[in-house]
Every structure is written in structure tokens, then in C-alpha cells.
Amino acid sequence: MSEAVKIESHLRENIYNTTERLKAACEEHSVFTPKKIAKQGYLVLEIGVDISFDYESLANQPRIYNIDRSTVDKYLIQCRDGVDQAGEIIKGIRSAVTVAASKLAGHPPFVGLLGHHRYTAAKDAGCKYVVAKVEEDWHKFTFEGKQDFLMTDNAHKDNGKQNSQASVKNQLATLYSKESNWMIKERQRLTELQSLLEAKGDILCSDKKAIEREMKEVQKKLVSSKVKKVVKWMDKAPQQAKSLATNVFNHWRQTHEAGIDGKLGFWEKAVIDDRKERPSSHLYVPHKISVKNDSIMITNPAYHVQYKASEYYDSHGEFPTMITVYIGVPSGVKSVKHLFEIRKGYHKAFEKYFDGNAKVFEGKRENLKVEYKFIGQINKGNYEESNEKFYNIDYVNEKLASM
């Protein structure tokens, strides 16, 4: 355990806020005065000696990137050259960084919580000290409490780097992790209901509907709780927040509950491998299916294939001998059976679209072959698939018939 944890908070000022350190820190960061530091209960910490920030694992910062250099540079210019405030040039960092006592032996006594970019700017400007606010209750916070503390601070409009949508989605996803106790009973119940739904292939229709109704109620609770967080963390309108929270829920449910990989990180390599040794007269169109409220969004992907086919015709003077549509489903899948139903429904809807729009292919629909390849996404159970392979519609129909 570090010395900072052992030292009572009221004794720290005697160690860190010496007359010499206060004078030096206020010269570097002229918005502060010894009186202001004392009144606010701040500490003067020596950069790299008394304080460290984690830039590798971002253990105490809910961002999806290590550091944003443009933000640091903005603070660096302000720190070094100063900012005119009511005719007075204020140099240095204008607000205290937030720290907590470190519990790690051999590390500086304080670890940074808020102010990664300001701290880096002060360091790059050649400052020796930073002014810091100590969050005394940090180690008492729960996983969710720490997350909310950090994300709420990043939401402020005066924050140099506000929360991005990607960061918010990433943090919402961590609430479903094993480390989180957030709505644990509801999450466990959803897992139980998912197992019930999948275990009983011959389940009575009335029982199935009852399970699905309860699942919807649990989902509603989980999503509603997250909507409040999105509104708080991003200042989003409730409807926008609900859409984002629902998207994260659907992805979690698909990946962790149904056992269906939704990240599709293997997608590009699988497409490249499948295209090897194929003739140049083929057209390849990767597409990720959008599923919303159990409905397959078909129009945009169909237009996309149509556009690609027309583009090919303009370049070659004829249509391709084969169009291969690669298909993956990032989110919205409730179960393994549901995935197969989506695949079959997509194939049926696409074929219907093509048949109904033969004129866009110069009346040559009968000569234009379209094949559909579904990326392997199932990672558990009797229907496990390889995510390095694609599967055709015959495979889909065969599996559905066996369920």
C-alpha cells in the first residue's frame, strides 16, 4: 500500500503544500493563489514524482483512445502562452486535475482520475507541478459509481474532449460485464429466460409467448436504466438515447446470451479468402444486415447491390456472371433459430426484390445469378459455426428444418 493511503488527508497539506511548492505552482499556473489552493483543499503535486496517469490501460478513464494529441496541443498553447482573461494573461492549467490516493506499492502516491490532457500539456510545457483535487471516496465507489463519476465529468461542455458516441457505447457495454453488479438480478433472469426459450424446441406456443413477454419487460428495465445514463453522459434527447441504449443491449444479448458473434471482426479476412481463385467476372458485395423489431431492413442493401451491378455494367458493358452477396448480422438476434430465420428471410426478401425489379438489369434477370453467403457467427451449442467460413442458403434451410 502506498504512503498516500496511509497518510490522513488533513496531514497531506503539510507534506505537499509547502511554501516553496505553493509559490512555484502558482507561478506556473497563475489562475491559482496559495489562498485559493488552501480554501479548496487542493494539493500541489510534482509531475512524475507525486502523481502518475495511466495512459496504457486507461484503468481510470473511460475513453476508447489513449490520448488525443490535438486536445493536448490546445491546452499546451494556453499553458505556455497564456489566455487573456479580462485583460490579465493567465498561464498554466486553469483547473485542478482530480486524483485519488494510489494503492499500488512502488508507484507515485497519487493516481490521476480526471485531467489526462491537462496533465500532459503541463508536463510538455515544462511545468514541475500541477494543482490537484483529491477524490477521497474513490476507493469506496462501486464499479458503476466510478464509471458514472468519470463519464459525467467528460460530459461537461467545457471538457477539452467530451464523451464520443463510441465511448458511451463502450461504457454501456461494460455494465454487462462479469465485473459489474449493475442490475444483476435482471441480467441473470434474462439468461434464465433465454435458456428456457432455447432448451424447449417443442415448447407450447402459449408458454413461449409468456417467456417472450417477460423477456421484453426485463429488456425494457435494462434499456430504460441506460437511457438515463446516455442523457446524462452525452446530453442526448431521450429518443436518441433510447436508440443507442437499445443498440448496445441488442449486441450484448446476441453475443453473450444467444452465443452469436456480432462484432464481425473477422469479416474482411473471410471475404478476401473466399474471393481467391474466383473469376473477375464475378461481383462481390459484402453487407451487414440491419434488424429492427424483428423486421429485416432490405431496401438499402438491395439498392446497394443494384448500384454495384449497374456500376459494373457501366465499366464492362455487360452484367457480371455472378453476384455474391456476403451477409453478416451485427445485432438484433435473439437466438440461434432466430438467426437462421433472419438469414432465410433476407434471402427470400432479396430474391423477391430482384424479381420485381428485373428492369434495372435490362430485362436480363434470368441470366443474372445471385448467390448468398452467410458468415459463420454461432459460437456455442450444437450449431457452432466457423467464423472463417461462409454458409449458403441450402445449409440455412437444412438447419431450420432440423429445429
Protein backbone atom coordinates (compact mmCIF):
# COMPACT_ATOMS: atom_id res chain seq x y z
CA MET A 1 0.00 0.00 0.00
CA SER A 2 1.32 3.45 -0.91
CA GLU A 3 2.15 6.15 1.63
CA ALA A 4 -0.64 8.42 0.32
CA VAL A 5 -3.31 5.99 1.50
CA LYS A 6 -1.77 5.72 4.96
CA ILE A 7 -1.43 9.50 5.46
CA GLU A 8 -4.60 11.13 6.78
CA SER A 9 -5.99 13.75 4.39
CA HIS A 10 -5.60 16.68 6.83
CA LEU A 11 -1.86 15.94 7.17
CA ARG A 12 -1.16 15.89 3.43
CA GLU A 13 -1.06 19.67 3.14
CA ASN A 14 1.93 19.77 5.47
CA ILE A 15 3.79 17.45 3.12
CA TYR A 16 2.75 18.65 -0.33
CA ASN A 17 1.74 22.31 0.19
CA THR A 18 4.98 23.76 1.50
CA THR A 19 5.56 27.48 1.00
CA GLU A 20 8.15 26.79 -1.68
CA ARG A 21 5.91 24.40 -3.63
CA LEU A 22 2.88 26.72 -3.40
CA LYS A 23 4.89 29.64 -4.76
CA ALA A 24 6.33 27.61 -7.65
CA ALA A 25 2.94 26.07 -8.59
CA CYS A 26 1.16 29.45 -8.58
CA GLU A 27 3.86 30.93 -10.82
CA GLU A 28 3.40 28.07 -13.29
CA HIS A 29 -0.41 28.09 -13.09
CA SER A 30 -1.28 31.71 -12.46
CA VAL A 31 -5.03 31.24 -12.04
CA PHE A 32 -4.23 29.79 -8.60
CA THR A 33 -3.08 31.52 -5.43
CA PRO A 34 -1.88 29.92 -2.18
CA LYS A 35 -5.08 31.17 -0.52
CA LYS A 36 -7.31 29.64 -3.22
CA ILE A 37 -5.47 26.31 -3.03
CA ALA A 38 -5.86 26.22 0.74
CA LYS A 39 -9.56 27.18 0.60
CA GLN A 40 -10.38 24.47 -1.97
CA GLY A 41 -8.34 21.83 -0.17
CA TYR A 42 -6.15 21.26 -3.24
CA LEU A 43 -2.65 19.76 -3.20
CA VAL A 44 0.47 20.75 -5.10
CA LEU A 45 1.86 17.56 -6.70
CA GLU A 46 5.15 17.16 -8.51
CA ILE A 47 4.70 15.77 -12.03
CA GLY A 48 6.01 12.23 -12.35
CA VAL A 49 7.01 12.06 -8.68
CA ASP A 50 3.82 12.54 -6.66
CA ILE A 51 1.36 11.72 -9.43
CA SER A 52 1.03 9.43 -12.45
CA PHE A 53 -1.65 8.98 -15.08
CA ASP A 54 -2.41 5.63 -16.71
CA TYR A 55 -2.17 6.01 -20.49
CA GLU A 56 -1.83 2.33 -21.34
CA SER A 57 -4.87 0.51 -19.97
CA LEU A 58 -6.88 3.67 -19.22
CA ALA A 59 -7.92 1.98 -15.98
CA ASN A 60 -9.19 5.28 -14.58
CA GLN A 61 -10.51 6.88 -17.74
CA PRO A 62 -13.46 5.59 -19.80
CA ARG A 63 -12.14 6.54 -23.22
CA ILE A 64 -11.53 4.30 -26.21
CA TYR A 65 -8.25 6.03 -27.14
CA ASN A 66 -5.13 6.73 -25.09
CA ILE A 67 -4.65 10.44 -25.72
CA ASP A 68 -5.97 12.99 -28.20
CA ARG A 69 -2.97 15.00 -29.31
CA SER A 70 -4.97 17.92 -30.72
CA THR A 71 -6.59 18.41 -27.30
CA VAL A 72 -3.20 18.31 -25.58
CA ASP A 73 -1.80 20.84 -28.08
CA LYS A 74 -4.70 23.21 -27.40
CA TYR A 75 -4.02 23.06 -23.66
CA LEU A 76 -0.27 23.31 -24.28
CA ILE A 77 -0.61 26.62 -26.14
CA GLN A 78 -2.86 28.01 -23.40
CA CYS A 79 -0.48 26.75 -20.73
CA ARG A 80 2.69 28.11 -22.32
CA ASP A 81 1.47 31.33 -23.98
CA GLY A 82 -1.40 32.18 -21.65
CA VAL A 83 -5.02 33.21 -22.15
CA ASP A 84 -6.33 36.75 -21.86
CA GLN A 85 -8.97 36.91 -19.14
CA ALA A 86 -10.33 40.42 -18.52
CA GLY A 87 -7.03 41.94 -19.58
CA GLU A 88 -4.93 39.59 -17.49
CA ILE A 89 -2.77 36.87 -19.08
CA ILE A 90 -3.41 33.58 -17.30
CA LYS A 91 -0.74 30.94 -17.89
CA GLY A 92 -0.62 27.27 -17.00
CA ILE A 93 -3.50 24.91 -16.35
CA ARG A 94 -6.67 26.75 -15.31
CA SER A 95 -8.43 23.99 -13.39
CA ALA A 96 -7.15 21.35 -11.00
CA VAL A 97 -6.74 17.75 -12.09
CA THR A 98 -8.54 15.14 -9.99
CA VAL A 99 -6.61 12.34 -8.30
CA ALA A 100 -7.04 9.53 -5.80
CA ALA A 101 -4.58 8.02 -3.37
CA SER A 102 -2.77 5.14 -5.06
CA LYS A 103 -2.95 1.69 -3.51
CA LEU A 104 -0.04 0.35 -5.52
CA ALA A 105 3.34 -0.07 -3.81
CA GLY A 106 6.25 1.34 -5.78
CA HIS A 107 4.03 3.83 -7.64
CA PRO A 108 3.67 7.58 -7.07
CA PRO A 109 1.39 8.26 -4.08
CA PHE A 110 -1.44 9.62 -6.26
CA VAL A 111 -3.04 8.32 -9.45
CA GLY A 112 -4.80 10.64 -11.88
CA LEU A 113 -8.55 10.30 -12.45
CA LEU A 114 -9.55 13.40 -14.41
CA GLY A 115 -7.30 15.66 -16.45
CA HIS A 116 -5.21 13.34 -18.68
CA HIS A 117 -4.86 16.01 -21.37
CA ARG A 118 -4.22 18.92 -18.99
CA TYR A 119 -1.59 16.92 -17.12
CA THR A 120 0.21 16.01 -20.38
CA ALA A 121 0.08 19.64 -21.54
CA ALA A 122 1.60 20.87 -18.25
CA LYS A 123 4.31 18.22 -18.50
CA ASP A 124 5.06 19.12 -22.14
CA ALA A 125 5.18 22.83 -21.22
CA GLY A 126 7.95 22.09 -18.74
CA CYS A 127 5.92 22.64 -15.58
CA LYS A 128 7.20 20.96 -12.42
CA TYR A 129 3.90 20.90 -10.54
CA VAL A 130 0.16 20.52 -11.07
CA VAL A 131 -2.62 21.54 -8.71
CA ALA A 132 -4.82 18.60 -7.80
CA LYS A 133 -8.13 17.86 -6.13
CA VAL A 134 -8.19 14.57 -4.17
CA GLU A 135 -11.30 12.41 -4.56
CA GLU A 136 -11.28 10.90 -1.08
CA ASP A 137 -14.15 8.44 -1.70
CA TRP A 138 -12.79 6.98 -4.95
CA HIS A 139 -11.89 3.60 -3.45
CA LYS A 140 -15.33 3.32 -1.86
CA PHE A 141 -17.11 3.67 -5.22
CA THR A 142 -18.60 0.62 -6.90
CA PHE A 143 -17.64 -0.29 -10.47
CA GLU A 144 -20.73 1.55 -11.73
CA GLY A 145 -20.09 4.51 -9.40
CA LYS A 146 -16.56 5.02 -10.73
CA GLN A 147 -17.78 4.78 -14.30
CA ASP A 148 -20.56 7.32 -13.71
CA PHE A 149 -18.18 9.70 -11.93
CA LEU A 150 -15.75 9.71 -14.87
CA MET A 151 -18.31 9.77 -17.67
CA THR A 152 -20.31 12.57 -16.05
CA ASP A 153 -17.20 14.74 -15.86
CA ASN A 154 -16.38 14.05 -19.52
CA ALA A 155 -19.89 15.15 -20.49
CA HIS A 156 -19.33 18.79 -19.47
CA LYS A 157 -19.25 21.24 -22.36
CA ASP A 158 -16.06 22.81 -21.02
CA ASN A 159 -14.29 19.44 -21.08
CA GLY A 160 -11.47 19.51 -23.63
CA LYS A 161 -12.55 16.14 -25.01
CA GLN A 162 -16.19 15.31 -24.41
CA ASN A 163 -17.63 11.82 -24.50
CA SER A 164 -17.97 10.43 -28.01
CA GLN A 165 -20.80 8.10 -29.00
CA ALA A 166 -18.29 5.25 -29.34
CA SER A 167 -17.01 5.88 -25.78
CA VAL A 168 -20.55 5.92 -24.39
CA LYS A 169 -21.46 2.69 -26.18
CA ASN A 170 -18.28 1.07 -24.92
CA GLN A 171 -19.03 2.08 -21.33
CA LEU A 172 -22.65 0.94 -21.55
CA ALA A 173 -21.38 -2.43 -22.76
CA THR A 174 -19.08 -2.79 -19.72
CA LEU A 175 -22.15 -2.68 -17.46
CA TYR A 176 -22.96 -6.15 -18.78
CA SER A 177 -19.50 -7.49 -17.86
CA LYS A 178 -18.83 -10.00 -15.09
CA GLU A 179 -17.14 -7.27 -13.04
CA SER A 180 -20.32 -5.22 -12.91
CA ASN A 181 -23.16 -5.77 -10.44
CA TRP A 182 -25.41 -3.39 -12.37
CA MET A 183 -28.97 -4.80 -12.43
CA ILE A 184 -27.50 -8.24 -11.81
CA LYS A 185 -30.85 -9.87 -10.96
CA GLU A 186 -32.44 -8.68 -14.20
CA ARG A 187 -29.46 -9.85 -16.24
CA GLN A 188 -29.50 -13.27 -14.57
CA ARG A 189 -33.22 -13.59 -15.17
CA LEU A 190 -32.77 -12.74 -18.84
CA THR A 191 -30.14 -15.50 -19.11
CA GLU A 192 -32.56 -17.96 -17.50
CA LEU A 193 -35.35 -16.99 -19.88
CA GLN A 194 -33.01 -17.29 -22.87
CA SER A 195 -32.08 -20.82 -21.78
CA LEU A 196 -35.73 -21.75 -21.35
CA LEU A 197 -36.54 -20.47 -24.80
CA GLU A 198 -33.71 -22.41 -26.44
CA ALA A 199 -33.99 -25.61 -24.39
CA LYS A 200 -37.61 -26.35 -25.31
CA GLY A 201 -37.85 -26.80 -29.05
CA ASP A 202 -41.35 -28.24 -28.61
CA ILE A 203 -42.43 -25.55 -26.16
CA LEU A 204 -46.14 -24.71 -26.24
CA CYS A 205 -46.98 -21.54 -28.11
CA SER A 206 -48.64 -20.04 -25.02
CA ASP A 207 -45.57 -20.80 -22.87
CA LYS A 208 -43.24 -19.37 -25.48
CA LYS A 209 -45.26 -16.17 -25.67
CA ALA A 210 -45.24 -15.85 -21.88
CA ILE A 211 -41.43 -16.21 -21.83
CA GLU A 212 -41.04 -13.66 -24.63
CA ARG A 213 -43.36 -11.22 -22.82
CA GLU A 214 -41.29 -11.46 -19.65
CA MET A 215 -38.09 -11.05 -21.67
CA LYS A 216 -39.46 -7.84 -23.15
CA GLU A 217 -40.27 -6.50 -19.70
CA VAL A 218 -36.76 -7.25 -18.43
CA GLN A 219 -35.26 -5.71 -21.55
CA LYS A 220 -37.37 -2.60 -21.01
CA LYS A 221 -35.96 -2.21 -17.48
CA LEU A 222 -32.37 -2.66 -18.66
CA VAL A 223 -32.69 -0.23 -21.55
CA SER A 224 -34.61 2.39 -19.51
CA SER A 225 -31.84 2.46 -16.91
CA LYS A 226 -29.25 3.02 -19.62
CA VAL A 227 -31.26 5.75 -21.35
CA LYS A 228 -30.86 7.90 -18.22
CA LYS A 229 -27.11 7.38 -18.37
CA VAL A 230 -26.87 8.33 -22.07
CA VAL A 231 -28.88 11.52 -21.47
CA LYS A 232 -26.52 12.37 -18.60
CA TRP A 233 -23.28 11.41 -20.36
CA MET A 234 -24.00 12.86 -23.81
CA ASP A 235 -26.82 15.37 -23.38
CA LYS A 236 -28.84 13.36 -25.91
CA ALA A 237 -32.60 13.63 -26.39
CA PRO A 238 -34.44 10.70 -24.74
CA GLN A 239 -35.41 9.13 -28.08
CA GLN A 240 -31.83 9.25 -29.38
CA ALA A 241 -30.59 7.91 -26.07
CA LYS A 242 -33.08 5.03 -26.23
CA SER A 243 -31.91 4.09 -29.73
CA LEU A 244 -28.26 3.99 -28.60
CA ALA A 245 -29.03 2.07 -25.40
CA THR A 246 -31.17 -0.45 -27.30
CA ASN A 247 -28.40 -0.99 -29.84
CA VAL A 248 -25.92 -1.83 -27.05
CA PHE A 249 -28.45 -4.15 -25.39
CA ASN A 250 -29.18 -5.99 -28.63
CA HIS A 251 -25.49 -6.51 -29.31
CA TRP A 252 -24.88 -7.84 -25.78
CA ARG A 253 -27.87 -10.14 -25.92
CA GLN A 254 -26.86 -11.50 -29.30
CA THR A 255 -23.20 -12.04 -28.42
CA HIS A 256 -23.35 -13.20 -24.80
CA GLU A 257 -26.83 -14.64 -24.34
CA ALA A 258 -27.58 -16.18 -27.72
CA GLY A 259 -23.93 -17.09 -28.41
CA ILE A 260 -23.82 -15.28 -31.75
CA ASP A 261 -20.79 -13.14 -32.52
CA GLY A 262 -21.89 -9.66 -33.53
CA LYS A 263 -18.53 -7.90 -33.73
CA LEU A 264 -17.71 -9.40 -37.15
CA GLY A 265 -14.04 -8.51 -36.67
CA PHE A 266 -13.16 -11.50 -38.84
CA TRP A 267 -15.41 -10.31 -41.70
CA GLU A 268 -12.92 -8.72 -44.09
CA LYS A 269 -10.40 -11.58 -43.99
CA ALA A 270 -13.14 -14.16 -44.59
CA VAL A 271 -14.39 -12.22 -47.63
CA ILE A 272 -10.86 -11.90 -49.07
CA ASP A 273 -10.17 -15.62 -48.58
CA ASP A 274 -13.46 -16.61 -50.18
CA ARG A 275 -12.82 -14.47 -53.26
CA LYS A 276 -9.48 -16.11 -54.06
CA GLU A 277 -9.32 -18.13 -57.27
CA ARG A 278 -12.64 -16.69 -58.48
CA PRO A 279 -13.10 -15.11 -61.92
CA SER A 280 -13.04 -11.34 -62.34
CA SER A 281 -16.48 -11.52 -63.97
CA HIS A 282 -17.97 -12.01 -60.51
CA LEU A 283 -19.26 -9.09 -58.43
CA TYR A 284 -18.80 -9.23 -54.65
CA VAL A 285 -20.99 -7.20 -52.29
CA PRO A 286 -20.44 -7.56 -48.52
CA HIS A 287 -23.45 -6.48 -46.46
CA LYS A 288 -24.28 -6.43 -42.77
CA ILE A 289 -27.98 -6.95 -42.19
CA SER A 290 -29.87 -4.42 -40.13
CA VAL A 291 -32.57 -6.00 -37.94
CA LYS A 292 -35.02 -3.80 -36.06
CA ASN A 293 -38.04 -5.04 -34.13
CA ASP A 294 -37.61 -8.45 -35.83
CA SER A 295 -38.00 -6.83 -39.27
CA ILE A 296 -35.21 -7.20 -41.82
CA MET A 297 -34.17 -3.92 -43.41
CA ILE A 298 -33.97 -4.96 -47.08
CA THR A 299 -34.34 -1.78 -49.16
CA ASN A 300 -30.95 -0.15 -48.64
CA PRO A 301 -28.86 -3.31 -49.19
CA ALA A 302 -30.88 -4.18 -52.30
CA TYR A 303 -30.31 -0.69 -53.69
CA HIS A 304 -26.62 -1.09 -52.84
CA VAL A 305 -26.35 -4.35 -54.85
CA GLN A 306 -28.34 -2.78 -57.67
CA TYR A 307 -25.97 0.20 -57.71
CA LYS A 308 -22.90 -2.05 -57.73
CA ALA A 309 -24.32 -4.13 -60.58
CA SER A 310 -25.09 -1.01 -62.63
CA GLU A 311 -21.61 0.34 -61.88
CA TYR A 312 -20.14 -2.96 -63.11
CA TYR A 313 -22.25 -2.73 -66.30
CA ASP A 314 -21.03 0.82 -66.99
CA SER A 315 -17.42 -0.34 -66.69
CA HIS A 316 -17.66 -3.65 -68.59
CA GLY A 317 -20.58 -3.19 -70.98
CA GLU A 318 -22.32 -6.23 -69.50
CA PHE A 319 -23.60 -7.50 -66.18
CA PRO A 320 -21.44 -9.79 -64.03
CA THR A 321 -21.88 -13.53 -64.49
CA MET A 322 -22.44 -13.86 -60.77
CA ILE A 323 -23.19 -11.55 -57.85
CA THR A 324 -22.05 -12.88 -54.49
CA VAL A 325 -23.70 -11.15 -51.53
CA TYR A 326 -21.80 -11.74 -48.28
CA ILE A 327 -24.05 -11.41 -45.25
CA GLY A 328 -23.49 -10.91 -41.51
CA VAL A 329 -25.81 -9.82 -38.69
CA PRO A 330 -24.19 -7.41 -36.17
CA SER A 331 -27.13 -7.14 -33.79
CA GLY A 332 -30.80 -7.81 -33.17
CA VAL A 333 -30.62 -11.63 -32.99
CA LYS A 334 -32.46 -13.27 -30.09
CA SER A 335 -31.46 -16.90 -30.53
CA VAL A 336 -29.77 -19.38 -32.87
CA LYS A 337 -33.09 -20.20 -34.51
CA HIS A 338 -33.82 -16.50 -34.91
CA LEU A 339 -30.50 -16.09 -36.77
CA PHE A 340 -31.44 -18.82 -39.24
CA GLU A 341 -34.89 -17.27 -39.69
CA ILE A 342 -33.27 -13.89 -40.40
CA ARG A 343 -30.95 -15.46 -42.95
CA LYS A 344 -33.80 -17.22 -44.73
CA GLY A 345 -35.99 -14.12 -44.58
CA TYR A 346 -33.19 -12.00 -46.02
CA HIS A 347 -32.70 -14.43 -48.90
CA LYS A 348 -36.42 -14.54 -49.65
CA ALA A 349 -36.82 -10.75 -49.48
CA PHE A 350 -33.77 -10.16 -51.68
CA GLU A 351 -34.93 -12.62 -54.34
CA LYS A 352 -38.38 -11.02 -54.33
CA TYR A 353 -36.81 -7.60 -54.75
CA PHE A 354 -34.66 -8.73 -57.67
CA ASP A 355 -37.56 -10.46 -59.42
CA GLY A 356 -39.73 -7.39 -59.00
CA ASN A 357 -37.04 -5.08 -60.37
CA ALA A 358 -35.84 -7.02 -63.39
CA LYS A 359 -35.98 -3.86 -65.49
CA VAL A 360 -32.98 -2.40 -63.69
CA PHE A 361 -30.98 -5.28 -65.10
CA GLU A 362 -32.02 -4.56 -68.69
CA GLY A 363 -34.51 -7.43 -68.58
CA LYS A 364 -31.68 -9.93 -68.06
CA ARG A 365 -32.68 -11.08 -64.59
CA GLU A 366 -32.98 -14.69 -65.79
CA ASN A 367 -29.32 -14.68 -66.82
CA LEU A 368 -28.05 -12.97 -63.70
CA LYS A 369 -27.07 -15.39 -60.96
CA VAL A 370 -27.06 -14.23 -57.36
CA GLU A 371 -25.60 -16.32 -54.55
CA TYR A 372 -25.89 -15.59 -50.84
CA LYS A 373 -23.14 -16.43 -48.37
CA PHE A 374 -23.69 -16.14 -44.63
CA ILE A 375 -20.64 -15.65 -42.39
CA GLY A 376 -20.32 -18.15 -39.51
CA GLN A 377 -21.36 -16.40 -36.29
CA ILE A 378 -22.62 -19.08 -33.89
CA ASN A 379 -20.01 -19.81 -31.22
CA LYS A 380 -21.72 -22.27 -28.87
CA GLY A 381 -24.03 -25.27 -28.80
CA ASN A 382 -24.92 -27.87 -31.42
CA TYR A 383 -24.95 -25.36 -34.27
CA GLU A 384 -21.47 -23.89 -33.75
CA GLU A 385 -20.01 -22.38 -36.94
CA SER A 386 -16.55 -21.36 -38.11
CA ASN A 387 -16.12 -17.60 -38.38
CA GLU A 388 -13.62 -18.22 -41.17
CA LYS A 389 -16.27 -19.75 -43.43
CA PHE A 390 -19.43 -18.71 -45.26
CA TYR A 391 -22.56 -20.85 -45.46
CA ASN A 392 -25.15 -21.00 -48.26
CA ILE A 393 -28.95 -20.96 -48.27
CA ASP A 394 -29.16 -24.77 -48.53
CA TYR A 395 -27.30 -25.03 -45.23
CA VAL A 396 -29.70 -22.48 -43.70
CA ASN A 397 -32.79 -24.39 -44.85
CA GLU A 398 -31.34 -27.71 -43.65
CA LYS A 399 -30.64 -26.35 -40.15
CA LEU A 400 -34.05 -24.71 -39.87
CA ALA A 401 -35.75 -27.95 -40.83
CA SER A 402 -33.92 -29.74 -38.00
CA MET A 403 -35.04 -27.28 -35.32
